[in-house]
Every structure is written in structure tokens, then in C-alpha cells.
Amino acid sequence: MPLMVERIEQGTVIDRVEAFAGIHVLEILKLVPPASLPAHEESKSDKAAKARSSTLKIDREHRIALVINVPSRHMGRKDILKIEGREIKPVEANKIALISPRARLNVIRGGKVVQKSDVKLPAKLEDIAACPNPSCISRLEREASIFTTEKGRLRCLYCERLFSTYELVV
């Protein structure tokens, strides 16, 4: 059965996202509220709920399609995201690489793919994710976290511990 998702004229298609990771990609791009925030939270009228919702800075301007767990020749199963009217910035591509290192970004203009690029972890990541080590100085003193990449894993510059990308707090 073919996929029936409307094409976009301008924006980004994020292809080859690890199966079931698409919603997490939307969360880090601030296109949906984090899963930890109940969906009904934003409709509450109390002041605390409104304050939490306003600090999230959720992008509500763009139409989004998320296709989950579809067959893929390259990966077996994958997710696909289409974001109308928004191109992914390099720092956002780095965040996507943390979640789904095989993802591919397709920039769409005038209904046509004008650029394809695979995400990749840079040699050095600064202030993209928090160190998972609760006693790391970067967490205790609210320093900007810095990681270097080593064979697909990340080493914290401060505590020198090695982590997988799945362990990071994005």
C-alpha cells in the first residue's frame, strides 16, 4: 500500500529517522510539547499551566506530517517527518543526529528537492544536550555542556565519561 501524505511546497523532509523516534525529533525541534507534558496541559486555565506552556516556546506556525514505522530498503523500518515552511538549521541537524544518526534532510523549495544531506555528529558538540552524569560540573554549575565524539559515542569534556547518544538529556 503506497503512502498517502500530501507533498510540501517549501520546507524540510526528514527521512530515515529511526523507527518510533520521529516524535522525539519533533520534541527537540520544539514542534510539539514534550511527552512529559500532558496534552491537555495547555488548555488549562490556571496560571502555572500557562507559565509552563509559555516557557516551552512551541513552534505552532508550521504544518507537520509524521509517518511512523514504514518499510525502508535501507533500514528495515523508519519514520518520516515533513515540515512545511521550515528549513532545519545546522544546530538542529546536530540534535537530530543524536537521536537518529542515519537521518537524511531533504530541503524542499517550489515542490522540488533542492538539497539532500545526511546528518552527522560533529567532532565537538557544545550546549546541545546535558551530561547524564548527575555529579558532572556542567550540571551542578549550569555550565554549557561540551562533548567530543569518539567512534559514535560522546565524551563529556568536564567529567570525561563516555556516553551513547541515547543516554544524553536533549
Foldseek 3Di string as FASTA:
>chain_A
DDDDDDFAAFFKKKPQFAAPCVVVLCCLVLQDPDPVQDPCLCVDDDPVSVVVVVVSPRDPPWDKDKAGFDQDPVHRTHIMMTTYPYYDDLLSLQLSCLRGVQMKMFGHHRRDGPDIDGRHHDQKDWQSWDDLPCPFPCNVVVNIWMWGDDPQWTATPGPRDIGHSVSTGD
